[in-house]
Amino acid sequence: MELAYYSDYAVRLVNSEEPARGKDSLTSVEAVRDLFGDMSAARRATDADVTRFRSVRARLRAVFEAADEGDETLAVDLLNSLLLEFPVSPQISGHDHRDEDGRPLWHMHLADHPSNATAGYAAIAAMGLAFHLTEYGVDRLGLCEAAPCRNAYLDTSTNRSRRYCSDRCATRANVAAYRARKRLEADRSGSSGLAAESAQRTSASGER
C-alpha cells in the first residue's frame, strides 16, 4: 500500500464540514467512527473525540487553504506542526494480505500509538498528506472552485488540471458558466439592438 493512500483520511475529515453551506456532519461519536472506515481504531472513539476531531479538521483545512492560495511555505509549516504533534511509526506489514501461494504481501503500514482516537487518526491523516504533498507537489492540494462547495480534493490528474472535488461539482460549474455566457451574449445583443434603433431614429430625424 502506498503511504500517500492515507492522505484520503485528511480529505475525509476536512470534507465532514461545508462552512459555506453551514453544514457539519461531525456531530456525534458515531460520525467520528465512520471516518475510520473499517479500521479497528474506530472502537477507541468517545464523545470527547468529537471536539478534538473538529480542532484537527480546522488545522487540516488550513493546509488545503494555504495550498489553494499558492502559499507553499505556509502549507508545509502547518502540516509540519501536525506531524510533530501527532507522530507515527512506519512498519512493514503483510500478515493480513497474502498471495495465491500463501506468502505475505509485504507493504508499508503507518502504525500509530495514540492516547486517544483523534491522535491516531490525525497522525495517519497528516503523514498521508505529507507523503502526497512531497510526491506530487503542494499544488496538488486544492479546494473545489464550484461555489459554495469548497470541499478539499487531491489532484492526481496527469496535467494538474483538476479544479473540482467531484464530477457533480464540475458539471454544475460548467452549466453555471454556460448560462452566464448566454446572459452576457443576450445583454450585448440587446444593447446592440437598442443602439441600432437609436441610430435609426437619429438618422430619420436628421432627414426631416
N, C-alpha and C. Protein backbone atom coordinates (compact mmCIF):
# COMPACT_ATOMS: atom_id res chain seq x y z
N MET A 1 0.83 -1.20 0.00
CA MET A 1 0.00 0.00 0.00
C MET A 1 0.87 1.25 0.00
N GLU A 2 0.64 2.17 -0.91
CA GLU A 2 1.40 3.40 -0.94
C GLU A 2 0.99 4.26 0.24
N LEU A 3 2.01 4.86 0.89
CA LEU A 3 1.71 5.67 2.06
C LEU A 3 0.87 6.90 1.72
N ALA A 4 0.97 7.38 0.48
CA ALA A 4 0.16 8.52 0.07
C ALA A 4 -1.33 8.19 0.13
N TYR A 5 -1.65 6.89 0.14
CA TYR A 5 -3.05 6.46 0.24
C TYR A 5 -3.72 7.06 1.46
N TYR A 6 -2.97 7.20 2.54
CA TYR A 6 -3.54 7.69 3.79
C TYR A 6 -3.96 9.16 3.71
N SER A 7 -3.56 9.86 2.66
CA SER A 7 -3.96 11.26 2.51
C SER A 7 -5.47 11.39 2.40
N ASP A 8 -6.13 10.32 1.97
CA ASP A 8 -7.59 10.35 1.85
C ASP A 8 -8.26 10.57 3.21
N TYR A 9 -7.56 10.17 4.29
CA TYR A 9 -8.12 10.38 5.62
C TYR A 9 -8.21 11.87 5.93
N ALA A 10 -7.25 12.64 5.43
CA ALA A 10 -7.29 14.09 5.63
C ALA A 10 -8.46 14.69 4.88
N VAL A 11 -8.63 14.28 3.63
CA VAL A 11 -9.73 14.80 2.81
C VAL A 11 -11.07 14.43 3.44
N ARG A 12 -11.17 13.21 3.90
CA ARG A 12 -12.42 12.73 4.50
C ARG A 12 -12.81 13.58 5.71
N LEU A 13 -11.83 13.90 6.54
CA LEU A 13 -12.11 14.71 7.74
C LEU A 13 -12.46 16.15 7.37
N VAL A 14 -11.67 16.75 6.50
CA VAL A 14 -11.92 18.14 6.10
C VAL A 14 -13.31 18.29 5.50
N ASN A 15 -13.71 17.34 4.69
CA ASN A 15 -15.00 17.44 4.00
C ASN A 15 -16.19 17.01 4.84
N SER A 16 -15.95 16.73 6.12
CA SER A 16 -17.08 16.46 7.01
C SER A 16 -17.79 17.76 7.39
N GLU A 17 -17.21 18.88 6.95
CA GLU A 17 -17.83 20.18 7.18
C GLU A 17 -17.88 20.97 5.88
N GLU A 18 -18.97 21.68 5.65
CA GLU A 18 -19.11 22.58 4.50
C GLU A 18 -19.44 23.96 5.05
N PRO A 19 -18.42 24.73 5.41
CA PRO A 19 -18.63 26.03 6.06
C PRO A 19 -19.55 26.97 5.29
N ALA A 20 -19.37 27.05 3.98
CA ALA A 20 -20.17 27.98 3.18
C ALA A 20 -21.65 27.62 3.19
N ARG A 21 -21.95 26.35 3.39
CA ARG A 21 -23.35 25.91 3.42
C ARG A 21 -23.87 25.77 4.84
N GLY A 22 -23.00 25.99 5.83
CA GLY A 22 -23.41 25.86 7.22
C GLY A 22 -23.70 24.42 7.62
N LYS A 23 -23.03 23.47 6.96
CA LYS A 23 -23.26 22.05 7.25
C LYS A 23 -22.06 21.43 7.98
N ASP A 24 -22.35 20.58 8.95
CA ASP A 24 -21.31 19.89 9.70
C ASP A 24 -21.84 18.52 10.09
N SER A 25 -21.27 17.47 9.52
CA SER A 25 -21.72 16.11 9.82
C SER A 25 -21.00 15.50 11.01
N LEU A 26 -20.00 16.21 11.53
CA LEU A 26 -19.22 15.68 12.64
C LEU A 26 -19.84 16.12 13.96
N THR A 27 -20.95 15.49 14.31
CA THR A 27 -21.71 15.91 15.48
C THR A 27 -21.89 14.82 16.53
N SER A 28 -21.34 13.64 16.29
CA SER A 28 -21.53 12.54 17.24
C SER A 28 -20.35 11.58 17.18
N VAL A 29 -20.25 10.72 18.18
CA VAL A 29 -19.18 9.74 18.20
C VAL A 29 -19.34 8.75 17.05
N GLU A 30 -20.58 8.50 16.65
CA GLU A 30 -20.82 7.61 15.51
C GLU A 30 -20.24 8.21 14.23
N ALA A 31 -20.38 9.52 14.06
CA ALA A 31 -19.82 10.18 12.89
C ALA A 31 -18.30 10.10 12.89
N VAL A 32 -17.72 10.22 14.08
CA VAL A 32 -16.26 10.09 14.22
C VAL A 32 -15.82 8.69 13.80
N ARG A 33 -16.52 7.69 14.28
CA ARG A 33 -16.16 6.31 13.96
C ARG A 33 -16.30 6.01 12.47
N ASP A 34 -17.28 6.64 11.83
CA ASP A 34 -17.48 6.44 10.39
C ASP A 34 -16.27 6.91 9.59
N LEU A 35 -15.56 7.92 10.09
CA LEU A 35 -14.40 8.44 9.38
C LEU A 35 -13.30 7.39 9.26
N PHE A 36 -13.22 6.49 10.22
CA PHE A 36 -12.18 5.47 10.23
C PHE A 36 -12.44 4.35 9.22
N GLY A 37 -13.68 4.26 8.73
CA GLY A 37 -13.99 3.15 7.85
C GLY A 37 -13.97 1.84 8.62
N ASP A 38 -13.27 0.84 8.07
CA ASP A 38 -13.22 -0.46 8.71
C ASP A 38 -12.02 -0.63 9.64
N MET A 39 -11.33 0.46 9.96
CA MET A 39 -10.17 0.38 10.84
C MET A 39 -10.62 0.07 12.27
N SER A 40 -9.91 -0.84 12.93
CA SER A 40 -10.27 -1.23 14.30
C SER A 40 -10.11 -0.07 15.27
N ALA A 41 -9.29 0.93 14.91
CA ALA A 41 -9.06 2.08 15.79
C ALA A 41 -10.34 2.84 16.06
N ALA A 42 -11.36 2.66 15.22
CA ALA A 42 -12.63 3.37 15.41
C ALA A 42 -13.25 3.05 16.76
N ARG A 43 -12.95 1.86 17.28
CA ARG A 43 -13.55 1.45 18.56
C ARG A 43 -13.09 2.31 19.72
N ARG A 44 -11.95 2.99 19.55
CA ARG A 44 -11.43 3.81 20.65
C ARG A 44 -12.14 5.15 20.76
N ALA A 45 -12.91 5.54 19.76
CA ALA A 45 -13.54 6.85 19.74
C ALA A 45 -14.58 7.00 20.86
N THR A 46 -14.59 8.18 21.47
CA THR A 46 -15.56 8.51 22.51
C THR A 46 -16.18 9.87 22.19
N ASP A 47 -17.13 10.27 22.99
CA ASP A 47 -17.77 11.57 22.78
C ASP A 47 -16.76 12.71 22.84
N ALA A 48 -15.73 12.57 23.65
CA ALA A 48 -14.72 13.63 23.78
C ALA A 48 -13.97 13.85 22.47
N ASP A 49 -13.95 12.84 21.60
CA ASP A 49 -13.22 12.97 20.33
C ASP A 49 -13.93 13.88 19.34
N VAL A 50 -15.21 14.13 19.52
CA VAL A 50 -15.93 14.99 18.58
C VAL A 50 -15.29 16.37 18.55
N THR A 51 -15.07 16.97 19.71
CA THR A 51 -14.45 18.29 19.78
C THR A 51 -13.01 18.25 19.30
N ARG A 52 -12.28 17.20 19.68
CA ARG A 52 -10.87 17.09 19.28
C ARG A 52 -10.75 16.93 17.76
N PHE A 53 -11.64 16.15 17.16
CA PHE A 53 -11.61 15.97 15.71
C PHE A 53 -11.89 17.28 14.99
N ARG A 54 -12.81 18.08 15.52
CA ARG A 54 -13.11 19.35 14.90
C ARG A 54 -11.90 20.28 14.90
N SER A 55 -11.13 20.23 15.97
CA SER A 55 -9.92 21.06 16.05
C SER A 55 -8.90 20.65 15.00
N VAL A 56 -8.69 19.34 14.86
CA VAL A 56 -7.75 18.84 13.85
C VAL A 56 -8.27 19.15 12.45
N ARG A 57 -9.57 19.04 12.27
CA ARG A 57 -10.18 19.34 10.97
C ARG A 57 -9.87 20.77 10.54
N ALA A 58 -10.00 21.72 11.45
CA ALA A 58 -9.73 23.12 11.13
C ALA A 58 -8.27 23.31 10.71
N ARG A 59 -7.37 22.58 11.36
CA ARG A 59 -5.94 22.71 11.03
C ARG A 59 -5.62 22.07 9.69
N LEU A 60 -6.28 20.98 9.37
CA LEU A 60 -6.07 20.35 8.07
C LEU A 60 -6.65 21.20 6.95
N ARG A 61 -7.82 21.80 7.19
CA ARG A 61 -8.40 22.69 6.17
C ARG A 61 -7.47 23.87 5.91
N ALA A 62 -6.81 24.36 6.95
CA ALA A 62 -5.88 25.48 6.79
C ALA A 62 -4.73 25.10 5.86
N VAL A 63 -4.32 23.84 5.89
CA VAL A 63 -3.27 23.36 4.98
C VAL A 63 -3.76 23.44 3.54
N PHE A 64 -4.97 22.95 3.30
CA PHE A 64 -5.54 22.99 1.95
C PHE A 64 -5.77 24.43 1.49
N GLU A 65 -6.20 25.30 2.40
CA GLU A 65 -6.43 26.70 2.03
C GLU A 65 -5.12 27.38 1.63
N ALA A 66 -4.07 27.12 2.38
CA ALA A 66 -2.77 27.72 2.05
C ALA A 66 -2.28 27.21 0.70
N ALA A 67 -2.43 25.91 0.46
CA ALA A 67 -2.01 25.33 -0.82
C ALA A 67 -2.84 25.91 -1.96
N ASP A 68 -4.13 26.06 -1.73
CA ASP A 68 -5.03 26.57 -2.77
C ASP A 68 -4.70 28.03 -3.12
N GLU A 69 -4.19 28.77 -2.14
CA GLU A 69 -3.83 30.16 -2.36
C GLU A 69 -2.41 30.33 -2.88
N GLY A 70 -1.71 29.20 -3.06
CA GLY A 70 -0.36 29.24 -3.60
C GLY A 70 0.73 29.51 -2.59
N ASP A 71 0.39 29.48 -1.30
CA ASP A 71 1.39 29.73 -0.25
C ASP A 71 1.98 28.39 0.19
N GLU A 72 2.96 27.91 -0.55
CA GLU A 72 3.55 26.60 -0.29
C GLU A 72 4.22 26.53 1.08
N THR A 73 4.95 27.58 1.44
CA THR A 73 5.67 27.57 2.71
C THR A 73 4.71 27.44 3.89
N LEU A 74 3.62 28.21 3.86
CA LEU A 74 2.65 28.13 4.94
C LEU A 74 2.01 26.75 5.00
N ALA A 75 1.66 26.20 3.85
CA ALA A 75 1.05 24.87 3.82
C ALA A 75 1.96 23.83 4.46
N VAL A 76 3.23 23.89 4.12
CA VAL A 76 4.20 22.94 4.67
C VAL A 76 4.40 23.17 6.16
N ASP A 77 4.49 24.42 6.58
CA ASP A 77 4.67 24.72 8.00
C ASP A 77 3.49 24.21 8.83
N LEU A 78 2.28 24.42 8.33
CA LEU A 78 1.08 23.97 9.04
C LEU A 78 1.04 22.45 9.14
N LEU A 79 1.44 21.79 8.05
CA LEU A 79 1.45 20.33 8.05
C LEU A 79 2.55 19.79 8.96
N ASN A 80 3.69 20.44 8.95
CA ASN A 80 4.78 20.01 9.83
C ASN A 80 4.39 20.10 11.30
N SER A 81 3.61 21.12 11.66
CA SER A 81 3.18 21.26 13.05
C SER A 81 2.29 20.08 13.46
N LEU A 82 1.48 19.60 12.52
CA LEU A 82 0.64 18.43 12.80
C LEU A 82 1.49 17.16 12.92
N LEU A 83 2.48 17.04 12.06
CA LEU A 83 3.36 15.86 12.10
C LEU A 83 4.12 15.80 13.42
N LEU A 84 4.54 16.94 13.92
CA LEU A 84 5.27 16.97 15.19
C LEU A 84 4.36 16.60 16.37
N GLU A 85 3.14 17.08 16.30
CA GLU A 85 2.20 16.83 17.41
C GLU A 85 1.63 15.42 17.38
N PHE A 86 1.48 14.86 16.17
CA PHE A 86 0.88 13.53 16.03
C PHE A 86 1.81 12.60 15.24
N PRO A 87 2.87 12.07 15.87
CA PRO A 87 3.84 11.23 15.16
C PRO A 87 3.32 9.81 14.92
N VAL A 88 3.90 9.15 13.94
CA VAL A 88 3.58 7.75 13.64
C VAL A 88 4.88 6.97 13.48
N SER A 89 4.74 5.65 13.44
CA SER A 89 5.91 4.78 13.25
C SER A 89 5.67 3.90 12.04
N PRO A 90 6.39 4.13 10.93
CA PRO A 90 6.24 3.26 9.75
C PRO A 90 6.68 1.84 10.08
N GLN A 91 5.88 0.87 9.68
CA GLN A 91 6.21 -0.52 9.92
C GLN A 91 5.90 -1.35 8.68
N ILE A 92 6.63 -2.47 8.52
CA ILE A 92 6.35 -3.39 7.43
C ILE A 92 5.27 -4.36 7.88
N SER A 93 4.24 -4.49 7.06
CA SER A 93 3.12 -5.36 7.41
C SER A 93 2.81 -6.28 6.25
N GLY A 94 2.08 -7.37 6.52
CA GLY A 94 1.74 -8.30 5.47
C GLY A 94 0.96 -9.49 5.98
N HIS A 95 0.72 -9.51 7.30
CA HIS A 95 0.06 -10.67 7.88
C HIS A 95 -1.39 -10.84 7.44
N ASP A 96 -2.02 -9.76 7.00
CA ASP A 96 -3.42 -9.84 6.57
C ASP A 96 -3.57 -9.93 5.05
N HIS A 97 -2.46 -9.87 4.33
CA HIS A 97 -2.51 -9.90 2.87
C HIS A 97 -1.51 -10.94 2.34
N ARG A 98 -2.01 -11.93 1.63
CA ARG A 98 -1.15 -12.99 1.11
C ARG A 98 -1.43 -13.23 -0.37
N ASP A 99 -0.40 -13.72 -1.08
CA ASP A 99 -0.57 -14.01 -2.50
C ASP A 99 -1.22 -15.38 -2.66
N GLU A 100 -1.36 -15.83 -3.89
CA GLU A 100 -2.04 -17.11 -4.16
C GLU A 100 -1.29 -18.31 -3.61
N ASP A 101 -0.01 -18.12 -3.31
CA ASP A 101 0.78 -19.22 -2.73
C ASP A 101 0.83 -19.14 -1.21
N GLY A 102 0.12 -18.18 -0.65
CA GLY A 102 0.07 -18.06 0.81
C GLY A 102 1.21 -17.25 1.41
N ARG A 103 2.04 -16.64 0.56
CA ARG A 103 3.15 -15.84 1.07
C ARG A 103 2.67 -14.42 1.37
N PRO A 104 3.21 -13.80 2.42
CA PRO A 104 2.79 -12.44 2.79
C PRO A 104 3.10 -11.44 1.68
N LEU A 105 2.18 -10.52 1.46
CA LEU A 105 2.40 -9.42 0.54
C LEU A 105 2.87 -8.24 1.38
N TRP A 106 4.17 -8.12 1.53
CA TRP A 106 4.73 -7.10 2.40
C TRP A 106 4.48 -5.69 1.86
N HIS A 107 4.10 -4.80 2.75
CA HIS A 107 3.88 -3.41 2.37
C HIS A 107 4.11 -2.52 3.60
N MET A 108 4.28 -1.23 3.34
CA MET A 108 4.48 -0.29 4.43
C MET A 108 3.14 0.07 5.06
N HIS A 109 3.17 0.17 6.37
CA HIS A 109 1.96 0.47 7.15
C HIS A 109 2.31 1.54 8.17
N LEU A 110 1.39 2.48 8.39
CA LEU A 110 1.62 3.52 9.40
C LEU A 110 1.00 3.07 10.71
N ALA A 111 1.85 2.76 11.66
CA ALA A 111 1.38 2.33 12.97
C ALA A 111 1.34 3.53 13.90
N ASP A 112 0.22 3.71 14.56
CA ASP A 112 0.11 4.83 15.48
C ASP A 112 0.06 4.31 16.92
N HIS A 113 0.48 5.14 17.83
CA HIS A 113 0.46 4.78 19.25
C HIS A 113 -0.20 5.93 20.01
N PRO A 114 -1.49 6.12 19.77
CA PRO A 114 -2.15 7.31 20.27
C PRO A 114 -2.69 7.18 21.69
N SER A 115 -2.92 8.33 22.30
CA SER A 115 -3.55 8.36 23.61
C SER A 115 -5.07 8.38 23.46
N ASN A 116 -5.55 8.73 22.27
CA ASN A 116 -6.99 8.74 22.00
C ASN A 116 -7.22 8.57 20.51
N ALA A 117 -8.47 8.40 20.12
CA ALA A 117 -8.80 8.14 18.72
C ALA A 117 -8.41 9.30 17.81
N THR A 118 -8.57 10.52 18.29
CA THR A 118 -8.24 11.68 17.48
C THR A 118 -6.76 11.70 17.13
N ALA A 119 -5.92 11.43 18.13
CA ALA A 119 -4.47 11.44 17.91
C ALA A 119 -4.08 10.39 16.88
N GLY A 120 -4.71 9.22 16.94
CA GLY A 120 -4.40 8.17 15.98
C GLY A 120 -4.80 8.55 14.57
N TYR A 121 -5.99 9.09 14.43
CA TYR A 121 -6.48 9.49 13.10
C TYR A 121 -5.66 10.64 12.55
N ALA A 122 -5.39 11.64 13.40
CA ALA A 122 -4.63 12.80 12.96
C ALA A 122 -3.23 12.41 12.49
N ALA A 123 -2.61 11.46 13.18
CA ALA A 123 -1.27 11.02 12.81
C ALA A 123 -1.26 10.40 11.42
N ILE A 124 -2.22 9.54 11.16
CA ILE A 124 -2.30 8.87 9.86
C ILE A 124 -2.66 9.87 8.75
N ALA A 125 -3.62 10.75 9.03
CA ALA A 125 -4.05 11.73 8.02
C ALA A 125 -2.92 12.69 7.67
N ALA A 126 -2.21 13.19 8.68
CA ALA A 126 -1.13 14.15 8.45
C ALA A 126 0.03 13.50 7.70
N MET A 127 0.40 12.29 8.09
CA MET A 127 1.50 11.60 7.42
C MET A 127 1.13 11.27 5.97
N GLY A 128 -0.09 10.82 5.76
CA GLY A 128 -0.53 10.52 4.40
C GLY A 128 -0.51 11.76 3.53
N LEU A 129 -0.97 12.88 4.09
CA LEU A 129 -0.98 14.13 3.34
C LEU A 129 0.44 14.61 3.05
N ALA A 130 1.33 14.36 4.00
CA ALA A 130 2.74 14.75 3.80
C ALA A 130 3.37 13.94 2.67
N PHE A 131 3.09 12.66 2.61
CA PHE A 131 3.62 11.84 1.52
C PHE A 131 3.05 12.29 0.18
N HIS A 132 1.76 12.60 0.16
CA HIS A 132 1.14 13.06 -1.08
C HIS A 132 1.77 14.38 -1.52
N LEU A 133 1.94 15.29 -0.59
CA LEU A 133 2.50 16.60 -0.90
C LEU A 133 3.92 16.50 -1.45
N THR A 134 4.75 15.69 -0.81
CA THR A 134 6.14 15.59 -1.25
C THR A 134 6.30 14.79 -2.53
N GLU A 135 5.35 13.88 -2.80
CA GLU A 135 5.45 13.07 -4.01
C GLU A 135 4.89 13.79 -5.23
N TYR A 136 3.78 14.54 -5.04
CA TYR A 136 3.10 15.15 -6.18
C TYR A 136 3.20 16.67 -6.23
N GLY A 137 3.49 17.32 -5.10
CA GLY A 137 3.60 18.78 -5.08
C GLY A 137 2.49 19.44 -4.30
N VAL A 138 2.78 20.61 -3.73
CA VAL A 138 1.80 21.33 -2.93
C VAL A 138 0.59 21.73 -3.76
N ASP A 139 0.82 22.03 -5.04
CA ASP A 139 -0.28 22.48 -5.89
C ASP A 139 -1.27 21.36 -6.22
N ARG A 140 -1.00 20.14 -5.74
CA ARG A 140 -1.95 19.04 -5.94
C ARG A 140 -2.99 18.97 -4.81
N LEU A 141 -2.89 19.89 -3.85
CA LEU A 141 -3.89 20.00 -2.80
C LEU A 141 -4.79 21.17 -3.14
N GLY A 142 -6.08 20.94 -3.27
CA GLY A 142 -6.95 22.02 -3.69
C GLY A 142 -8.28 22.06 -2.99
N LEU A 143 -9.00 23.17 -3.22
CA LEU A 143 -10.37 23.33 -2.73
C LEU A 143 -11.27 23.56 -3.93
N CYS A 144 -12.40 22.90 -3.93
CA CYS A 144 -13.32 22.93 -5.07
C CYS A 144 -13.68 24.36 -5.45
N GLU A 145 -13.63 24.66 -6.74
CA GLU A 145 -13.95 26.00 -7.25
C GLU A 145 -15.43 26.22 -7.51
N ALA A 146 -16.23 25.18 -7.32
CA ALA A 146 -17.67 25.30 -7.55
C ALA A 146 -18.33 25.87 -6.31
N ALA A 147 -18.42 27.19 -6.23
CA ALA A 147 -19.05 27.83 -5.06
C ALA A 147 -20.50 27.38 -4.93
N PRO A 148 -20.97 27.16 -3.70
CA PRO A 148 -20.27 27.39 -2.44
C PRO A 148 -19.59 26.14 -1.87
N CYS A 149 -19.27 25.16 -2.68
CA CYS A 149 -18.78 23.88 -2.20
C CYS A 149 -17.51 24.00 -1.33
N ARG A 150 -16.38 24.26 -1.96
CA ARG A 150 -15.10 24.41 -1.28
C ARG A 150 -14.65 23.14 -0.54
N ASN A 151 -15.06 21.98 -1.02
CA ASN A 151 -14.55 20.73 -0.46
C ASN A 151 -13.09 20.54 -0.87
N ALA A 152 -12.34 19.85 -0.03
CA ALA A 152 -10.94 19.57 -0.32
C ALA A 152 -10.84 18.41 -1.30
N TYR A 153 -9.78 18.41 -2.10
CA TYR A 153 -9.53 17.29 -3.02
C TYR A 153 -8.03 17.17 -3.24
N LEU A 154 -7.63 16.01 -3.75
CA LEU A 154 -6.24 15.74 -4.10
C LEU A 154 -6.17 15.56 -5.61
N ASP A 155 -5.41 16.39 -6.26
CA ASP A 155 -5.32 16.35 -7.72
C ASP A 155 -4.30 15.29 -8.16
N THR A 156 -4.79 14.25 -8.80
CA THR A 156 -3.91 13.20 -9.32
C THR A 156 -3.95 13.14 -10.84
N SER A 157 -4.50 14.19 -11.46
CA SER A 157 -4.55 14.24 -12.92
C SER A 157 -3.15 14.36 -13.51
N THR A 158 -2.98 13.90 -14.72
CA THR A 158 -1.65 13.92 -15.34
C THR A 158 -1.19 15.32 -15.69
N ASN A 159 -2.13 16.23 -15.95
CA ASN A 159 -1.75 17.59 -16.35
C ASN A 159 -2.08 18.65 -15.31
N ARG A 160 -2.28 18.23 -14.08
CA ARG A 160 -2.54 19.15 -12.96
C ARG A 160 -3.72 20.07 -13.27
N SER A 161 -4.77 19.51 -13.83
CA SER A 161 -5.89 20.33 -14.31
C SER A 161 -7.13 20.27 -13.42
N ARG A 162 -7.10 19.48 -12.38
CA ARG A 162 -8.31 19.32 -11.58
C ARG A 162 -8.64 20.61 -10.84
N ARG A 163 -9.94 20.97 -10.84
CA ARG A 163 -10.39 22.19 -10.18
C ARG A 163 -11.60 21.95 -9.28
N TYR A 164 -12.17 20.73 -9.37
CA TYR A 164 -13.39 20.47 -8.62
C TYR A 164 -13.25 19.16 -7.83
N CYS A 165 -14.04 19.06 -6.77
CA CYS A 165 -13.92 17.89 -5.90
C CYS A 165 -14.62 16.67 -6.47
N SER A 166 -15.54 16.88 -7.42
CA SER A 166 -16.30 15.76 -7.97
C SER A 166 -16.82 16.11 -9.36
N ASP A 167 -17.26 15.10 -10.09
CA ASP A 167 -17.86 15.32 -11.41
C ASP A 167 -19.13 16.15 -11.28
N ARG A 168 -19.85 15.95 -10.20
CA ARG A 168 -21.10 16.70 -9.98
C ARG A 168 -20.82 18.20 -9.90
N CYS A 169 -19.80 18.55 -9.13
CA CYS A 169 -19.46 19.98 -8.99
C CYS A 169 -18.92 20.54 -10.31
N ALA A 170 -18.15 19.74 -11.03
CA ALA A 170 -17.61 20.19 -12.32
C ALA A 170 -18.75 20.47 -13.29
N THR A 171 -19.73 19.58 -13.34
CA THR A 171 -20.88 19.77 -14.22
C THR A 171 -21.68 21.00 -13.83
N ARG A 172 -21.90 21.16 -12.52
CA ARG A 172 -22.66 22.31 -12.04
C ARG A 172 -21.95 23.62 -12.39
N ALA A 173 -20.62 23.64 -12.25
CA ALA A 173 -19.85 24.85 -12.56
C ALA A 173 -19.89 25.14 -14.06
N ASN A 174 -19.80 24.09 -14.87
CA ASN A 174 -19.84 24.27 -16.33
C ASN A 174 -21.20 24.80 -16.79
N VAL A 175 -22.26 24.29 -16.19
CA VAL A 175 -23.61 24.75 -16.54
C VAL A 175 -23.78 26.22 -16.14
N ALA A 176 -23.29 26.56 -14.94
CA ALA A 176 -23.39 27.95 -14.48
C ALA A 176 -22.61 28.89 -15.39
N ALA A 177 -21.42 28.45 -15.82
CA ALA A 177 -20.60 29.27 -16.72
C ALA A 177 -21.29 29.44 -18.07
N TYR A 178 -21.90 28.37 -18.57
CA TYR A 178 -22.61 28.42 -19.86
C TYR A 178 -23.78 29.40 -19.78
N ARG A 179 -24.54 29.33 -18.70
CA ARG A 179 -25.69 30.23 -18.55
C ARG A 179 -25.23 31.68 -18.42
N ALA A 180 -24.09 31.88 -17.74
CA ALA A 180 -23.57 33.24 -17.58
C ALA A 180 -23.15 33.81 -18.94
N ARG A 181 -22.54 32.96 -19.78
CA ARG A 181 -22.15 33.40 -21.12
C ARG A 181 -23.37 33.76 -21.96
N LYS A 182 -24.41 32.95 -21.84
CA LYS A 182 -25.63 33.22 -22.61
C LYS A 182 -26.29 34.52 -22.16
N ARG A 183 -26.29 34.78 -20.87
CA ARG A 183 -26.87 36.03 -20.38
C ARG A 183 -26.07 37.23 -20.89
N LEU A 184 -24.73 37.08 -20.90
CA LEU A 184 -23.88 38.16 -21.38
C LEU A 184 -24.11 38.42 -22.86
N GLU A 185 -24.24 37.33 -23.63
CA GLU A 185 -24.50 37.46 -25.06
C GLU A 185 -25.85 38.14 -25.31
N ALA A 186 -26.84 37.76 -24.51
CA ALA A 186 -28.17 38.35 -24.65
C ALA A 186 -28.14 39.84 -24.31
N ASP A 187 -27.40 40.17 -23.24
CA ASP A 187 -27.29 41.57 -22.85
C ASP A 187 -26.59 42.39 -23.94
N ARG A 188 -25.52 41.81 -24.51
CA ARG A 188 -24.80 42.52 -25.58
C ARG A 188 -25.68 42.68 -26.81
N SER A 189 -26.44 41.63 -27.12
CA SER A 189 -27.33 41.69 -28.28
C SER A 189 -28.41 42.74 -28.06
N GLY A 190 -28.93 42.79 -26.84
CA GLY A 190 -29.94 43.77 -26.53
C GLY A 190 -29.40 45.19 -26.61
N SER A 191 -28.18 45.36 -26.13
CA SER A 191 -27.55 46.68 -26.17
C SER A 191 -27.30 47.11 -27.60
N SER A 192 -26.87 46.16 -28.44
CA SER A 192 -26.62 46.47 -29.85
C SER A 192 -27.90 46.85 -30.56
N GLY A 193 -28.98 46.14 -30.23
CA GLY A 193 -30.27 46.43 -30.85
C GLY A 193 -30.77 47.81 -30.48
N LEU A 194 -30.60 48.17 -29.21
CA LEU A 194 -31.02 49.49 -28.76
C LEU A 194 -30.20 50.59 -29.41
N ALA A 195 -28.90 50.32 -29.56
CA ALA A 195 -28.02 51.30 -30.18
C ALA A 195 -28.40 51.51 -31.65
N ALA A 196 -28.72 50.40 -32.35
CA ALA A 196 -29.11 50.49 -33.77
C ALA A 196 -30.42 51.23 -33.91
N GLU A 197 -31.36 50.94 -33.01
CA GLU A 197 -32.66 51.61 -33.06
C GLU A 197 -32.51 53.11 -32.81
N SER A 198 -31.64 53.45 -31.85
CA SER A 198 -31.40 54.87 -31.55
C SER A 198 -30.76 55.57 -32.73
N ALA A 199 -29.83 54.88 -33.41
CA ALA A 199 -29.16 55.47 -34.58
C ALA A 199 -30.15 55.71 -35.70
N GLN A 200 -31.09 54.77 -35.89
CA GLN A 200 -32.10 54.92 -36.94
C GLN A 200 -33.00 56.12 -36.66
N ARG A 201 -33.42 56.30 -35.38
CA ARG A 201 -34.26 57.42 -35.04
C ARG A 201 -33.54 58.74 -35.27
N THR A 202 -32.24 58.76 -34.91
CA THR A 202 -31.44 59.98 -35.11
C THR A 202 -31.31 60.32 -36.58
N SER A 203 -31.11 59.27 -37.41
CA SER A 203 -30.96 59.46 -38.85
C SER A 203 -32.25 59.98 -39.47
N ALA A 204 -33.37 59.38 -39.05
CA ALA A 204 -34.67 59.79 -39.56
C ALA A 204 -34.98 61.23 -39.18
N SER A 205 -34.62 61.60 -37.99
CA SER A 205 -34.86 62.96 -37.52
C SER A 205 -34.04 63.96 -38.30
N GLY A 206 -32.84 63.56 -38.68
CA GLY A 206 -31.97 64.46 -39.42
C GLY A 206 -32.42 64.66 -40.84
N GLU A 207 -33.17 63.71 -41.40
CA GLU A 207 -33.62 63.81 -42.79
C GLU A 207 -34.85 64.70 -42.96
N ARG A 208 -35.52 65.02 -41.87
CA ARG A 208 -36.75 65.82 -41.94
C ARG A 208 -36.43 67.30 -42.14
